[in-house]
C-alpha cells in the first residue's frame, strides 16, 4: 500500500482542481450565458419594431 498523501500534496491537488473548475467556467459556461443574453436582447429589439 502507498502511504497517505501529505498535507502539501492535498493542497496542491485542491489547487489544481480549483483552477480546472475556474477555467471550465470561463471557457464554457460564461460564453453560453453571454449568447443567451445577446439572443434575448436581439429578440426584444425585433419585437419592439427595430427602434435603434
Protein backbone atom coordinates (compact mmCIF):
# COMPACT_ATOMS: atom_id res chain seq x y z
CA UNK A 1 0.00 0.00 0.00
CA UNK A 2 1.08 3.53 -0.67
CA UNK A 3 1.46 5.96 2.23
CA UNK A 4 -1.22 8.56 2.83
CA UNK A 5 -0.74 11.83 0.90
CA UNK A 6 0.81 14.69 2.84
CA UNK A 7 -0.93 17.98 3.53
CA UNK A 8 1.14 19.67 0.81
CA UNK A 9 0.10 17.13 -1.80
CA UNK A 10 -3.56 17.52 -0.84
CA UNK A 11 -3.34 21.32 -1.07
CA UNK A 12 -1.70 21.14 -4.50
CA UNK A 13 -4.40 18.71 -5.66
CA UNK A 14 -7.19 21.00 -4.42
CA UNK A 15 -5.45 23.97 -6.09
CA UNK A 16 -5.34 22.20 -9.46
CA UNK A 17 -8.97 21.08 -9.15
CA UNK A 18 -9.98 24.67 -8.40
CA UNK A 19 -8.01 26.02 -11.35
CA UNK A 20 -9.63 23.46 -13.67
CA UNK A 21 -13.09 24.42 -12.39
CA UNK A 22 -12.44 28.14 -12.95
CA UNK A 23 -11.07 27.57 -16.45
CA UNK A 24 -14.06 25.38 -17.32
CA UNK A 25 -16.47 28.06 -16.09
CA UNK A 26 -14.75 30.80 -18.05
CA UNK A 27 -14.44 28.82 -21.29
CA UNK A 28 -17.82 27.07 -21.38
CA UNK A 29 -20.44 28.49 -19.04
CA UNK A 30 -19.80 32.24 -19.35
CA UNK A 31 -19.94 32.28 -23.19
CA UNK A 32 -23.22 30.33 -23.10
CA UNK A 33 -24.67 32.90 -20.68
CA UNK A 34 -23.41 35.72 -22.90
CA UNK A 35 -25.00 34.23 -26.01
CA UNK A 36 -28.27 33.84 -24.12
CA UNK A 37 -28.26 37.48 -23.04
CA UNK A 38 -27.36 38.62 -26.57
CA UNK A 39 -30.16 36.48 -28.08
CA UNK A 40 -32.77 37.85 -25.68
CA UNK A 41 -31.77 41.43 -26.49
CA UNK A 42 -32.00 40.72 -30.24
CA UNK A 43 -35.46 39.16 -29.87
CA UNK A 44 -36.70 42.08 -27.76
CA UNK A 45 -35.33 44.57 -30.28
CA UNK A 46 -37.18 42.82 -33.13
CA UNK A 47 -40.45 42.71 -31.20
CA UNK A 48 -40.24 46.39 -30.36
CA UNK A 49 -40.10 47.40 -34.02
CA UNK A 50 -36.34 47.68 -34.51
CA UNK A 51 -36.04 51.04 -32.78
CA UNK A 52 -32.35 51.89 -32.64
